[in-house]
Protein backbone atom coordinates (compact mmCIF):
# COMPACT_ATOMS: atom_id res chain seq x y z
CA MET A 1 61.30 -9.36 8.98
CA LEU A 2 59.30 -6.23 8.10
CA LYS A 3 61.24 -5.86 4.87
CA LYS A 4 60.45 -9.44 3.85
CA THR A 5 56.79 -8.97 4.74
CA TRP A 6 56.66 -5.79 2.64
CA GLN A 7 58.28 -7.60 -0.29
CA LEU A 8 55.78 -10.43 0.05
CA LEU A 9 52.80 -8.04 0.08
CA ASN A 10 54.09 -6.38 -3.07
CA HIS A 11 54.61 -9.63 -4.95
CA THR A 12 52.35 -10.20 -7.92
CA TYR A 13 51.53 -13.71 -6.74
CA THR A 14 50.25 -12.30 -3.43
CA LEU A 15 47.83 -10.08 -5.31
CA LEU A 16 46.76 -12.99 -7.51
CA LEU A 17 46.27 -15.22 -4.46
CA ALA A 18 44.20 -12.52 -2.77
CA VAL A 19 41.88 -12.31 -5.80
CA VAL A 20 41.48 -16.10 -5.81
CA VAL A 21 40.69 -16.15 -2.08
CA MET A 22 38.23 -13.27 -2.40
CA THR A 23 36.50 -15.03 -5.30
CA TYR A 24 36.22 -18.19 -3.22
CA ILE A 25 34.82 -16.28 -0.22
CA LEU A 26 32.19 -14.54 -2.34
CA GLY A 27 31.28 -17.79 -4.05
CA ALA A 28 30.88 -19.51 -0.68
CA GLN A 29 28.74 -16.65 0.62
CA SER A 30 26.57 -16.83 -2.48
CA HIS A 31 26.18 -20.59 -2.09
CA ARG A 32 25.20 -20.20 1.55
CA ALA A 33 22.74 -17.42 0.76
CA PHE A 34 20.97 -19.41 -1.99
CA LYS A 35 21.84 -22.99 -1.17
CA HIS A 36 20.30 -25.84 -3.14
CA GLY A 37 17.11 -27.19 -1.61
CA ASP A 38 16.08 -23.96 0.12
CA THR A 39 13.51 -22.85 -2.42
CA ASN A 40 12.42 -19.76 -0.49
CA GLN A 41 15.96 -18.42 -0.57
CA GLN A 42 16.53 -19.39 -4.20
CA TYR A 43 13.40 -17.53 -5.24
CA LYS A 44 14.91 -14.34 -3.81
CA ILE A 45 17.50 -14.34 -6.59
CA VAL A 46 14.76 -13.18 -8.96
CA CYS A 47 12.37 -10.77 -7.27
CA SER A 48 11.66 -7.04 -7.20
CA ASP A 49 13.50 -5.26 -10.06
CA ALA A 50 15.41 -8.46 -10.78
CA SER A 51 12.19 -10.12 -11.97
CA GLY A 52 12.08 -7.62 -14.84
CA TYR A 53 15.76 -7.83 -15.76
CA TYR A 54 15.70 -11.64 -15.71
CA ALA A 55 12.41 -12.18 -17.56
CA TYR A 56 13.99 -11.29 -20.91
CA LEU A 57 16.15 -14.43 -20.76
CA PRO A 58 13.39 -17.09 -20.71
CA GLN A 59 11.33 -14.89 -23.02
CA ALA A 60 14.04 -14.79 -25.69
CA LEU A 61 15.57 -18.24 -25.33
CA ILE A 62 12.60 -20.46 -24.44
CA TYR A 63 9.11 -18.96 -24.80
CA HIS A 64 9.31 -16.24 -27.50
CA ASP A 65 6.33 -14.56 -25.87
CA ALA A 66 6.05 -10.77 -26.15
CA ASP A 67 3.39 -10.62 -23.42
CA PHE A 68 5.28 -12.73 -20.82
CA ARG A 69 2.29 -15.05 -20.44
CA PHE A 70 4.62 -17.83 -19.31
CA LEU A 71 4.91 -16.03 -15.96
CA ASP A 72 1.36 -17.14 -15.12
CA GLU A 73 2.51 -20.73 -15.32
CA MET A 74 5.69 -20.00 -13.32
CA ARG A 75 3.71 -18.35 -10.55
CA SER A 76 1.56 -21.45 -10.05
CA LYS A 77 4.45 -23.84 -10.61
CA TYR A 78 6.67 -22.19 -7.99
CA PRO A 79 4.44 -21.15 -5.05
CA GLY A 80 5.98 -18.40 -2.97
CA SER A 81 8.11 -17.08 -5.83
CA LYS A 82 7.97 -13.49 -7.07
CA PHE A 83 9.15 -14.09 -10.61
CA ASP A 84 6.42 -11.77 -11.94
CA GLU A 85 6.61 -9.16 -9.18
CA MET A 86 7.45 -6.19 -11.40
CA LEU A 87 5.57 -7.40 -14.48
CA GLN A 88 2.03 -7.23 -13.24
CA PRO A 89 -0.69 -7.04 -15.93
CA ASN A 90 -1.81 -3.55 -16.96
CA GLU A 91 -5.39 -2.40 -17.54
CA SER A 92 -5.64 -4.42 -20.75
CA GLY A 93 -4.35 -7.56 -19.04
CA LYS A 94 -0.98 -7.48 -20.80
CA ARG A 95 2.29 -7.80 -18.90
CA VAL A 96 4.81 -5.09 -19.79
CA ASN A 97 8.50 -5.11 -18.92
CA LYS A 98 9.81 -1.57 -18.43
CA TYR A 99 13.40 -2.57 -17.69
CA PHE A 100 16.32 -2.13 -20.06
CA VAL A 101 17.75 -5.24 -21.65
CA GLY A 102 21.42 -4.73 -20.75
CA THR A 103 21.38 -6.76 -17.54
CA ALA A 104 19.85 -9.71 -19.39
CA VAL A 105 22.53 -9.41 -22.09
CA CYS A 106 25.23 -9.61 -19.41
CA MET A 107 23.60 -12.63 -17.76
CA ALA A 108 22.93 -14.38 -21.07
CA PRO A 109 26.20 -16.38 -21.44
CA ALA A 110 25.89 -18.11 -18.06
CA TYR A 111 22.14 -18.52 -18.57
CA PHE A 112 22.69 -20.23 -21.93
CA ILE A 113 25.25 -22.60 -20.37
CA ALA A 114 22.73 -23.40 -17.64
CA HIS A 115 20.08 -24.08 -20.29
CA VAL A 116 22.36 -26.49 -22.19
CA CYS A 117 23.44 -28.30 -19.01
CA THR A 118 19.85 -28.60 -17.81
CA ALA A 119 18.73 -30.01 -21.16
CA ILE A 120 21.60 -32.53 -21.31
CA SER A 121 20.98 -33.69 -17.73
CA GLY A 122 17.24 -34.14 -18.35
CA GLY A 123 16.26 -31.34 -15.98
CA ASP A 124 13.33 -28.96 -16.21
CA THR A 125 14.12 -26.45 -18.97
CA ASP A 126 11.47 -23.94 -17.93
CA GLY A 127 13.98 -21.13 -17.41
CA TYR A 128 13.39 -20.88 -13.67
CA SER A 129 14.65 -24.16 -12.24
CA TRP A 130 17.64 -24.32 -9.90
CA LEU A 131 20.54 -24.19 -12.35
CA TYR A 132 19.07 -21.21 -14.23
CA LEU A 133 18.80 -19.21 -11.02
CA ARG A 134 22.30 -20.17 -9.94
CA SER A 135 23.65 -18.96 -13.28
CA VAL A 136 22.65 -15.45 -12.20
CA CYS A 137 24.92 -15.73 -9.15
CA ALA A 138 27.76 -16.92 -11.38
CA SER A 139 27.22 -13.96 -13.72
CA ALA A 140 27.34 -11.47 -10.86
CA LEU A 141 30.55 -13.00 -9.53
CA ALA A 142 32.10 -12.93 -13.01
CA PHE A 143 31.38 -9.22 -13.48
CA TRP A 144 32.65 -8.43 -9.98
CA LEU A 145 35.87 -10.23 -10.97
CA LEU A 146 36.02 -8.31 -14.26
CA GLY A 147 35.78 -5.05 -12.34
CA ILE A 148 38.39 -6.02 -9.74
CA VAL A 149 40.91 -7.23 -12.32
CA SER A 150 40.35 -4.06 -14.37
CA ILE A 151 41.02 -1.91 -11.29
CA ILE A 152 44.21 -3.84 -10.56
CA LEU A 153 45.55 -3.42 -14.09
CA LEU A 154 44.53 0.23 -14.24
CA LEU A 155 46.28 1.08 -10.96
CA ARG A 156 49.38 -0.86 -11.96
CA ASN A 157 49.57 1.32 -15.07
CA TYR A 158 49.71 4.27 -12.65
CA GLN A 159 52.73 2.60 -10.99
CA VAL A 160 50.83 1.87 -7.77
CA LYS A 161 52.41 -0.89 -5.69
CA ASN A 162 50.58 -4.19 -5.29
CA SER A 163 50.18 -3.81 -1.52
CA TYR A 164 48.25 -0.55 -1.96
CA ILE A 165 46.12 -2.10 -4.69
CA LEU A 166 45.42 -5.02 -2.35
CA PHE A 167 44.12 -2.58 0.25
CA GLY A 168 41.83 -0.98 -2.33
CA ILE A 169 40.23 -4.11 -3.74
CA ILE A 170 39.66 -5.72 -0.32
CA ALA A 171 38.13 -2.56 1.16
CA LEU A 172 36.01 -1.96 -1.94
CA THR A 173 34.70 -5.53 -2.02
CA PHE A 174 33.93 -6.04 1.65
CA GLY A 175 33.65 -2.47 2.93
CA THR A 176 30.99 -1.16 0.52
CA ASN A 177 27.57 -2.25 -0.71
CA LEU A 178 29.25 -3.67 -3.83
CA HIS A 179 29.41 -6.80 -1.68
CA PHE A 180 25.65 -6.74 -1.13
CA TYR A 181 24.81 -6.36 -4.84
CA THR A 182 27.28 -9.06 -5.83
CA ILE A 183 26.02 -11.66 -3.36
CA TYR A 184 22.45 -10.88 -2.32
CA GLU A 185 21.05 -9.03 -5.36
CA PRO A 186 22.92 -10.72 -8.22
CA ALA A 187 20.21 -10.00 -10.82
CA PHE A 188 20.21 -6.24 -10.21
CA SER A 189 22.13 -4.17 -12.75
CA HIS A 190 24.73 -2.65 -10.45
CA VAL A 191 27.49 -5.24 -10.31
CA TYR A 192 27.32 -5.55 -14.11
CA SER A 193 27.64 -1.79 -14.53
CA PHE A 194 30.51 -1.81 -12.06
CA GLY A 195 32.42 -4.43 -14.05
CA LEU A 196 31.78 -2.82 -17.44
CA ILE A 197 32.68 0.73 -16.33
CA ALA A 198 35.88 -0.55 -14.72
CA PHE A 199 36.78 -2.39 -17.93
CA LEU A 200 35.96 0.71 -19.99
CA MET A 201 38.27 2.81 -17.81
CA LEU A 202 41.05 0.27 -18.38
CA GLN A 203 40.59 0.20 -22.16
CA THR A 204 40.46 4.00 -22.30
CA GLN A 205 43.65 4.26 -20.28
CA ARG A 206 45.36 1.74 -22.55
CA PHE A 207 44.29 3.61 -25.67
CA ALA A 208 45.59 6.86 -24.17
CA LEU A 209 48.97 5.24 -23.48
CA VAL A 210 49.32 3.15 -26.67
CA PRO A 211 46.67 3.77 -29.37
CA LYS A 212 45.57 0.45 -30.82
CA SER A 213 42.48 -0.50 -32.77
CA ARG A 214 41.30 -3.19 -30.37
CA TYR A 215 41.06 -0.66 -27.54
CA VAL A 216 38.76 1.53 -29.65
CA ILE A 217 36.50 -1.42 -30.47
CA TRP A 218 36.32 -2.37 -26.80
CA MET A 219 35.49 1.20 -25.79
CA PHE A 220 32.51 1.46 -28.14
CA VAL A 221 31.19 -2.02 -27.30
CA LEU A 222 31.45 -1.30 -23.60
CA LEU A 223 29.71 2.06 -24.01
CA GLY A 224 26.88 0.30 -25.80
CA LEU A 225 26.47 -2.28 -23.05
CA ILE A 226 26.72 0.37 -20.33
CA THR A 227 24.00 2.41 -22.03
CA ILE A 228 21.49 -0.43 -22.35
CA LEU A 229 22.17 -1.41 -18.73
CA ARG A 230 21.42 2.02 -17.25
CA PRO A 231 21.22 4.86 -19.80
CA THR A 232 22.34 7.52 -17.32
CA ASN A 233 25.65 5.68 -17.04
CA PHE A 234 26.41 6.83 -20.59
CA LEU A 235 27.56 10.00 -18.83
CA ILE A 236 30.86 8.16 -18.32
CA VAL A 237 31.84 9.56 -21.74
CA LEU A 238 32.45 12.86 -19.93
CA LEU A 239 35.41 11.23 -18.20
CA ILE A 240 37.07 9.75 -21.30
CA PRO A 241 38.99 12.87 -22.46
CA PHE A 242 40.63 13.17 -19.04
CA PHE A 243 42.59 9.93 -19.39
CA PHE A 244 44.76 11.56 -22.06
CA GLY A 245 46.71 13.99 -19.91
CA SER A 246 45.35 17.06 -21.71
CA LEU A 247 42.64 18.06 -24.16
CA LYS A 248 45.32 18.61 -26.76
CA ASN A 249 46.43 14.98 -26.51
CA PHE A 250 42.82 13.79 -26.59
CA PHE A 251 42.00 15.63 -29.80
CA ARG A 252 45.30 14.53 -31.34
CA GLN A 253 44.37 10.88 -30.69
CA LEU A 254 40.85 11.49 -31.95
CA MET A 255 42.04 13.04 -35.21
CA TRP A 256 44.50 10.18 -35.70
CA LEU A 257 41.60 7.78 -35.29
CA VAL A 258 39.44 9.64 -37.80
CA ARG A 259 42.18 10.00 -40.41
CA GLU A 260 44.18 6.81 -40.06
CA LYS A 261 41.76 4.28 -38.55
CA TRP A 262 38.38 5.36 -39.89
CA PRO A 263 37.34 1.78 -40.84
CA VAL A 264 37.94 0.75 -37.22
CA LEU A 265 35.97 3.77 -36.04
CA LEU A 266 33.05 2.90 -38.34
CA LEU A 267 33.07 -0.72 -37.17
CA SER A 268 33.15 0.39 -33.54
CA MET A 269 30.25 2.79 -34.06
CA ALA A 270 28.27 0.06 -35.82
CA LEU A 271 28.78 -2.28 -32.86
CA PHE A 272 27.72 0.47 -30.47
CA LEU A 273 24.56 1.20 -32.47
CA GLY A 274 23.83 -2.50 -32.79
CA LEU A 275 23.74 -2.83 -29.02
CA ILE A 276 21.55 0.26 -28.70
CA PHE A 277 19.23 -1.24 -31.34
CA LEU A 278 18.60 -4.21 -29.01
CA GLN A 279 16.71 -1.88 -26.68
CA TYR A 280 14.74 -0.34 -29.56
CA LEU A 281 13.90 -3.84 -30.76
CA ASN A 282 12.74 -4.79 -27.27
CA VAL A 283 10.37 -1.82 -27.05
CA HIS A 284 9.00 -2.53 -30.52
CA TYR A 285 8.50 -6.21 -29.71
CA GLN A 286 6.46 -5.36 -26.61
CA HIS A 287 4.61 -2.22 -27.65
CA GLY A 288 4.59 -2.18 -31.43
CA TYR A 289 6.42 1.13 -31.83
CA TRP A 290 10.08 2.09 -32.07
CA GLY A 291 11.42 3.69 -28.93
CA PHE A 292 14.25 3.46 -26.43
CA ASN A 293 12.75 4.27 -23.03
CA ALA A 294 9.97 2.12 -21.59
CA TYR A 295 9.88 4.14 -18.33
CA SER A 296 7.11 6.25 -19.83
CA ILE A 297 5.67 7.61 -16.58
CA GLU A 298 8.89 7.74 -14.55
CA LYS A 299 10.93 10.86 -15.08
CA PHE A 300 13.42 13.30 -13.60
CA ASP A 301 10.99 15.19 -11.38
CA TYR A 302 13.64 17.05 -9.36
CA LEU A 303 15.73 18.69 -12.09
CA THR A 304 15.20 22.10 -10.46
CA ASN A 305 15.47 20.73 -6.93
CA PRO A 306 17.82 17.72 -6.92
CA LYS A 307 17.94 15.78 -3.64
CA ILE A 308 21.73 15.93 -3.41
CA PRO A 309 21.97 16.37 0.40
CA GLU A 310 19.60 13.44 0.93
CA VAL A 311 21.47 11.29 -1.63
CA LEU A 312 24.83 11.90 0.02
CA PHE A 313 24.08 12.36 3.70
CA GLY A 314 20.44 11.37 4.34
CA PHE A 315 19.53 8.58 6.73
CA ARG A 316 17.11 7.01 4.27
CA LYS A 317 19.75 5.85 1.79
CA GLY A 318 22.59 8.37 2.14
CA PHE A 319 25.80 7.39 0.35
CA PHE A 320 28.22 8.33 3.12
CA VAL A 321 25.86 7.11 5.88
CA TYR A 322 25.58 3.55 4.54
CA THR A 323 28.98 3.40 2.84
CA PRO A 324 31.31 5.22 5.26
CA PHE A 325 34.40 3.79 3.56
CA MET A 326 33.78 6.36 0.83
CA LEU A 327 34.34 9.17 3.35
CA LEU A 328 37.98 8.64 2.42
CA LEU A 329 37.10 10.29 -0.88
CA LEU A 330 36.99 13.69 0.80
CA PRO A 331 40.70 13.87 1.71
CA ALA A 332 41.59 11.79 -1.36
CA LEU A 333 40.35 14.54 -3.65
CA PHE A 334 43.07 16.82 -2.31
CA PHE A 335 45.73 14.26 -3.24
CA LEU A 336 44.14 13.77 -6.66
CA PHE A 337 44.18 17.52 -7.26
CA ARG A 338 47.83 17.69 -6.30
CA ARG A 339 48.72 14.72 -8.50
CA SER A 340 46.78 15.73 -11.64
CA ARG A 341 44.61 18.83 -11.83
CA TYR A 342 43.46 17.76 -15.27
CA PHE A 343 42.14 14.36 -14.16
CA PHE A 344 40.75 15.97 -11.01
CA THR A 345 38.71 18.30 -13.25
CA GLY A 346 37.31 15.32 -15.19
CA PHE A 347 36.58 13.43 -11.99
CA MET A 348 34.63 16.34 -10.51
CA LEU A 349 32.83 17.06 -13.79
CA PHE A 350 31.61 13.51 -14.27
CA THR A 351 30.72 12.75 -10.64
CA GLY A 352 29.00 16.12 -10.26
CA VAL A 353 26.81 15.63 -13.34
CA PHE A 354 26.20 11.97 -12.48
CA ILE A 355 25.08 12.74 -8.93
CA TYR A 356 22.93 15.65 -10.14
CA PHE A 357 20.91 13.47 -12.51
CA MET A 358 20.80 10.63 -9.99
CA ALA A 359 19.38 13.01 -7.37
CA ALA A 360 16.86 14.43 -9.85
CA TRP A 361 15.11 11.08 -10.50
CA TRP A 362 11.55 10.91 -9.23
CA CYS A 363 12.47 8.09 -6.85
CA TRP A 364 15.76 9.62 -5.69
CA TYR A 365 16.24 6.91 -3.02
CA TYR A 366 15.83 4.17 -5.69
CA GLY A 367 13.41 1.91 -3.85
CA GLY A 368 14.47 -1.20 -2.00
CA GLY A 369 18.12 -1.96 -1.47
CA LEU A 370 21.12 -1.29 0.74
CA GLY A 371 22.53 2.21 0.49
CA MET A 372 22.63 4.48 -2.55
CA ARG A 373 22.82 1.74 -5.13
CA PRO A 374 23.31 3.72 -8.38
CA LEU A 375 26.71 4.86 -7.11
CA VAL A 376 27.87 1.23 -6.98
CA ASP A 377 28.11 1.47 -10.77
CA ILE A 378 31.00 3.96 -10.58
CA TYR A 379 32.91 2.50 -7.63
CA ALA A 380 35.83 1.62 -9.92
CA LEU A 381 36.33 5.35 -10.46
CA LEU A 382 35.70 6.37 -6.85
CA VAL A 383 38.26 3.94 -5.43
CA VAL A 384 41.10 5.24 -7.64
CA PRO A 385 41.78 8.49 -5.73
CA ILE A 386 41.49 6.62 -2.42
CA VAL A 387 44.19 4.14 -3.41
CA LEU A 388 46.37 6.90 -4.85
CA MET A 389 46.06 8.80 -1.57
CA PHE A 390 46.85 5.67 0.43
CA SER A 391 50.03 5.15 -1.60
CA GLU A 392 51.27 8.66 -0.76
CA LEU A 393 50.48 8.76 2.97
CA LYS A 394 53.08 8.59 5.70
CA PRO A 395 53.15 5.27 7.60
CA ILE A 396 51.30 6.58 10.67
CA PHE A 397 48.41 7.93 8.57
CA ARG A 398 48.39 4.76 6.52
CA ILE A 399 47.85 2.77 9.71
CA LEU A 400 44.96 5.05 10.68
CA VAL A 401 43.37 4.55 7.26
CA LEU A 402 43.76 0.77 7.63
CA ILE A 403 42.03 0.88 11.01
CA PHE A 404 39.20 2.98 9.57
CA ALA A 405 38.88 0.66 6.56
CA GLY A 406 38.76 -2.34 8.88
CA PHE A 407 35.90 -0.73 10.80
CA THR A 408 33.99 0.02 7.57
CA ILE A 409 34.35 -3.62 6.48
CA TRP A 410 32.91 -4.78 9.80
CA PHE A 411 30.17 -2.13 9.62
CA ASN A 412 29.24 -3.01 6.04
CA LEU A 413 28.94 -6.71 6.86
CA LEU A 414 26.79 -5.73 9.85
CA LEU A 415 24.51 -3.74 7.54
CA ASN A 416 24.30 -6.78 5.27
CA TYR A 417 23.20 -8.87 8.24
CA GLN A 418 20.66 -6.26 9.38
CA PHE A 419 19.18 -5.97 5.89
CA ASN A 420 18.92 -9.72 5.33
CA ASN A 421 17.35 -10.25 8.75
CA ALA A 422 14.69 -7.53 8.48
CA ILE A 423 16.31 -5.25 11.05
CA LEU A 424 17.18 -2.56 8.51
CA HIS A 425 14.19 -1.50 6.44
CA TYR A 426 14.75 -1.78 2.71
CA ASP A 427 13.51 1.73 1.80
CA ALA A 428 11.92 3.52 4.76
CA MET A 429 14.81 4.34 7.09
CA ASN A 430 15.18 7.73 8.77
CA LYS A 431 17.39 9.29 11.42
CA GLU A 432 15.37 8.00 14.36
CA ARG A 433 15.20 4.46 13.00
CA TYR A 434 18.88 4.45 12.04
CA TRP A 435 20.04 5.18 15.57
CA GLN A 436 17.41 2.89 17.08
CA ILE A 437 18.99 -0.15 15.41
CA PHE A 438 22.56 1.16 15.18
CA MET A 439 24.87 -1.86 15.52
CA GLN A 440 21.99 -4.03 16.79
CA THR A 441 21.87 -7.69 15.75
CA ASP A 442 19.53 -9.31 18.29
CA ASP A 443 16.42 -10.89 16.82
CA ARG A 444 14.10 -8.65 18.83
CA PHE A 445 14.99 -5.81 16.47
CA GLN A 446 13.63 -7.75 13.49
CA TRP A 447 10.52 -6.52 11.66
CA LEU A 448 10.41 -3.43 13.84
CA PHE A 449 9.83 -1.10 10.89
CA PHE A 450 7.84 -3.47 8.68
CA PHE A 451 4.53 -3.16 10.51
CA GLU A 452 2.68 -0.02 11.44
CA ASN A 453 2.49 0.37 15.21
CA PRO A 454 0.75 3.75 15.44
CA GLY A 455 0.30 5.27 18.85
CA PHE A 456 -2.91 6.94 19.92
CA LYS A 457 -4.12 9.73 22.12
CA PRO A 458 -6.32 8.33 24.92
CA GLY A 459 -8.42 11.50 24.79
CA ASN A 460 -9.86 10.33 21.46
CA TYR A 461 -10.86 6.96 22.90
CA LYS A 462 -13.21 5.72 25.56
CA PRO A 463 -11.86 2.98 27.83
CA LEU A 464 -13.76 -0.29 27.61
CA SER A 465 -11.98 -2.48 30.13
CA ARG A 466 -8.88 -2.46 32.31
CA LEU A 467 -7.43 -5.81 33.35
CA GLU A 468 -5.68 -6.29 36.65
CA LYS A 469 -1.90 -6.14 36.82
CA VAL A 470 -0.16 -9.47 36.41
CA SER A 471 3.41 -10.68 36.72
CA ALA A 472 4.79 -13.58 34.75
CA GLN A 473 8.00 -15.36 33.91
CA LEU A 474 7.47 -16.60 30.40
CA PRO A 475 9.44 -19.61 29.15
CA THR A 476 10.45 -20.08 25.53
CA GLY A 477 7.38 -19.60 23.36
CA GLY A 478 5.31 -18.55 26.37
CA MET A 479 2.18 -16.41 25.98
CA LEU A 480 -0.16 -14.26 28.04
CA HIS A 481 -3.76 -13.72 26.94
CA PHE A 482 -5.98 -10.73 27.64
CA LYS A 483 -9.54 -11.00 26.38
CA TYR A 484 -12.43 -8.58 26.30
CA VAL A 485 -16.06 -9.16 25.29
CA PRO A 486 -17.73 -5.78 24.73
CA THR A 487 -21.31 -4.83 25.38
CA ALA A 488 -23.84 -4.77 22.58
CA ALA A 489 -23.53 -0.98 22.30
CA ASP A 490 -19.75 -1.15 21.96
CA SER A 491 -20.01 -4.02 19.50
CA ALA A 492 -22.24 -2.00 17.19
CA SER A 493 -19.73 0.84 16.91
CA ALA A 494 -17.57 1.13 13.81
CA GLY A 495 -14.74 2.63 15.83
CA ARG A 496 -11.38 0.92 16.01
CA ILE A 497 -10.10 -0.94 19.03
CA ALA A 498 -6.85 0.18 20.66
CA VAL A 499 -4.80 -1.51 23.37
CA ASP A 500 -2.42 0.04 25.88
CA ILE A 501 -0.14 -2.31 27.86
CA ARG A 502 2.10 -1.03 30.65
CA GLY A 503 4.58 -2.76 32.92
CA SER A 504 8.23 -3.76 32.88
CA GLY A 505 10.29 -6.63 31.56
CA GLN A 506 13.65 -8.10 30.73
CA ILE A 507 14.96 -10.76 28.36
CA GLU A 508 18.03 -12.96 28.30
CA ASP A 509 18.19 -14.52 24.84
CA PRO A 510 19.45 -12.65 21.73
CA GLU A 511 16.99 -14.68 19.63
CA ASN A 512 14.00 -13.46 21.62
CA ILE A 513 11.41 -11.64 19.47
CA PRO A 514 8.67 -10.45 21.84
CA LYS A 515 5.51 -9.03 20.32
CA VAL A 516 1.92 -8.16 21.07
CA MET A 517 -0.83 -9.31 18.69
CA LEU A 518 -4.33 -7.86 18.60
CA LEU A 519 -6.97 -10.29 17.31
CA LEU A 520 -10.62 -9.59 16.47
CA TYR A 521 -13.10 -12.49 16.70
CA LYS A 522 -16.40 -13.29 15.05
CA ASP A 523 -18.14 -16.59 15.88
CA GLY A 524 -14.86 -18.06 17.08
CA LYS A 525 -12.88 -17.12 13.95
CA SER A 526 -10.03 -14.63 14.33
CA ALA A 527 -8.76 -11.84 12.09
CA SER A 528 -5.52 -9.96 12.58
CA GLY A 529 -6.05 -6.54 14.09
CA GLY A 530 -2.46 -5.34 14.51
CA PHE A 531 1.04 -6.02 15.81
CA ASN A 532 3.64 -4.36 17.97
CA PHE A 533 7.18 -5.75 18.03
CA PHE A 534 8.30 -4.09 21.24
CA GLY A 535 11.70 -5.79 21.63
CA PRO A 536 13.72 -2.59 21.04
CA GLN A 537 12.24 -1.15 24.26
CA LEU A 538 14.41 -3.74 26.05
CA LEU A 539 17.71 -2.19 25.09
CA LYS A 540 20.08 -4.67 26.72
CA ARG A 541 19.73 -8.28 27.76
CA GLY A 542 19.55 -9.03 31.48
CA ARG A 543 18.24 -5.59 32.51
CA GLU A 544 14.71 -4.57 33.44
CA TYR A 545 13.07 -1.77 31.41
CA PRO A 546 9.66 -0.08 31.60
CA LEU A 547 7.25 -1.03 28.83
CA LYS A 548 4.70 1.06 26.97
CA ILE A 549 3.07 -0.99 24.25
CA GLU A 550 0.31 0.45 22.09
CA VAL A 551 -1.56 -1.33 19.32
CA LEU A 552 -4.20 0.32 17.17
CA ALA A 553 -6.40 -2.06 15.19
CA THR A 554 -6.14 -1.80 11.45
CA GLN A 555 -9.91 -2.06 10.97
CA GLY A 556 -13.18 -1.07 12.59
CA TYR A 557 -14.70 -3.19 15.33
CA ALA A 558 -18.24 -3.47 13.95
CA GLY A 559 -19.08 -7.04 12.99
CA TYR A 560 -16.83 -8.68 15.60
CA ASP A 561 -17.92 -10.04 18.95
CA SER A 562 -14.72 -10.14 21.03
CA VAL A 563 -11.14 -8.91 21.21
CA GLU A 564 -8.02 -10.74 22.37
CA VAL A 565 -4.51 -9.53 23.03
CA ILE A 566 -1.74 -12.12 22.96
CA PHE A 567 1.50 -11.19 24.67
CA GLU A 568 4.00 -13.57 22.99
CA ASN A 569 7.54 -14.05 24.19
CA GLY A 570 9.08 -16.00 21.32
CA LYS A 571 12.42 -17.74 21.80
CA GLY A 572 14.20 -17.61 25.14
CA ALA A 573 12.94 -17.10 28.67
CA SER A 574 11.93 -13.65 29.91
CA ASP A 575 10.50 -11.93 32.95
CA TYR A 576 7.62 -9.42 32.85
CA LYS A 577 6.20 -7.60 35.88
CA ASN A 578 3.07 -5.62 36.68
CA LEU A 579 1.59 -5.90 33.22
CA SER A 580 -1.72 -4.10 32.78
CA CYS A 581 -3.86 -4.10 29.65
CA THR A 582 -6.42 -1.40 28.85
CA PHE A 583 -8.78 -1.71 25.91
CA TYR A 584 -9.97 1.47 24.20
CA GLN A 585 -12.48 2.12 21.48
CA PHE A 586 -12.19 5.06 19.13
CA THR A 587 -14.58 7.92 19.71
CA PRO A 588 -14.62 10.50 16.90
CA ALA A 589 -13.68 13.93 18.22
CA ARG A 590 -16.59 16.37 18.39
CA ARG A 591 -16.37 19.52 16.35
């Protein structure tokens, strides 16, 4: 029975079926994430950095507008969208797109098909209607598939059995943030870089094994695309010589190319330069001068002090913290060294230089996103030693690796859920926050880190009023109100109001999101003064915990005539006891 199962796992059709099933699962997840009719979710396909990458497509195909003025119309046409989020007007009122054009080039085929289909069907050909946005999801899925197929073919050329390859592609897809950038951020550059770098590795390996002209052409075209996607990824050229077994073999192949196939080499170089010229043309079209880099004020600020520890192990975006599957790289490097010291040298050279420059960028945590996203681009390389190690392990250690990989898949999908439900902050995590929400999925942990809930020292405040203790069982959506009307002297002060609530409570429903809202009133009209989402103080459902809830108003009190605190339960019933509310007003410390 075990022998037949092993034979089945190693069958080519099993591997093919697995790829088909994985493609279907990712497609279904993408459809659910951005389903037709849910405009708020569809708009999220193109926001943040994606708004810049995507904007080149309607600009080039539909509007032919160097200043992106069509985004003004799109903003009013699609309320709630962020299609212009990263293309805000500068001091002269002109919108400027700093992003490289490579991502748009990769998305262009599916976008063009969407444009034709929309025009034929009589739809709105404005470049931002439903089918255009869905074409981005299709593009991301296609480049994920390109990368996975390239990895399969590359590993098979290394004589790795199908069952071990199956382990690698499943764990890579569902156990790393490649999944997140394929499904939830399909217009970011990372899945496209992943697919192209994987395909480049395959073509390089093929050329090293059997030198043919078409492999050379592919290599130069892919290098051009990789460069205009993310220029730092051009560093992949450092790895190319190490596919040839030795430097001697590499230079022998190179000299053969120069002497025997120089027309092919010239054609390949022309194609490479043609792709690079697209970026120069883009800069000239927008700015009127010839240049390659539009990130004029963003530079490598940490060249002498790269943030390598934070990049790899930090709780803000650390690679191994948010992608623990890649911890398998550490023992895998030993196996790679034992298998091929030459390729090991190339692996360490490229990854070392790549991580150095990545950690030297001014924004070393790379803004919003899940995990250390630039490393997604080179996952095709990083997974190779892991699969090679897996193929050489004894059965007992292989089982342990499978168990660990299974955990990392579950953990990665949990991180996806936390990110998409505002439990995990997109760019402001730290050690304390990480452990506070570790493996938490209840709704009361949502938005915890998205609003400032600063504490305060009572010594810097004068108490205005203390309300009596109350006990309450709040039903779903229930509220408690505490209101204070200050004296004329207090009302005239510019100091800020602060609230301190003490007591205890428990909740029963995982969808409960309890919070305290501080409202300031003037002539019956309210203005938000502050929030505190205190749900994480109630660690487990069904148990009573002490509460200490502090809210400091975001603005001075002068000009308002009353203050109200609303203790809101949200979904699900809950029980709160001995609640007391003290209002404070800021008193500047005397010097």
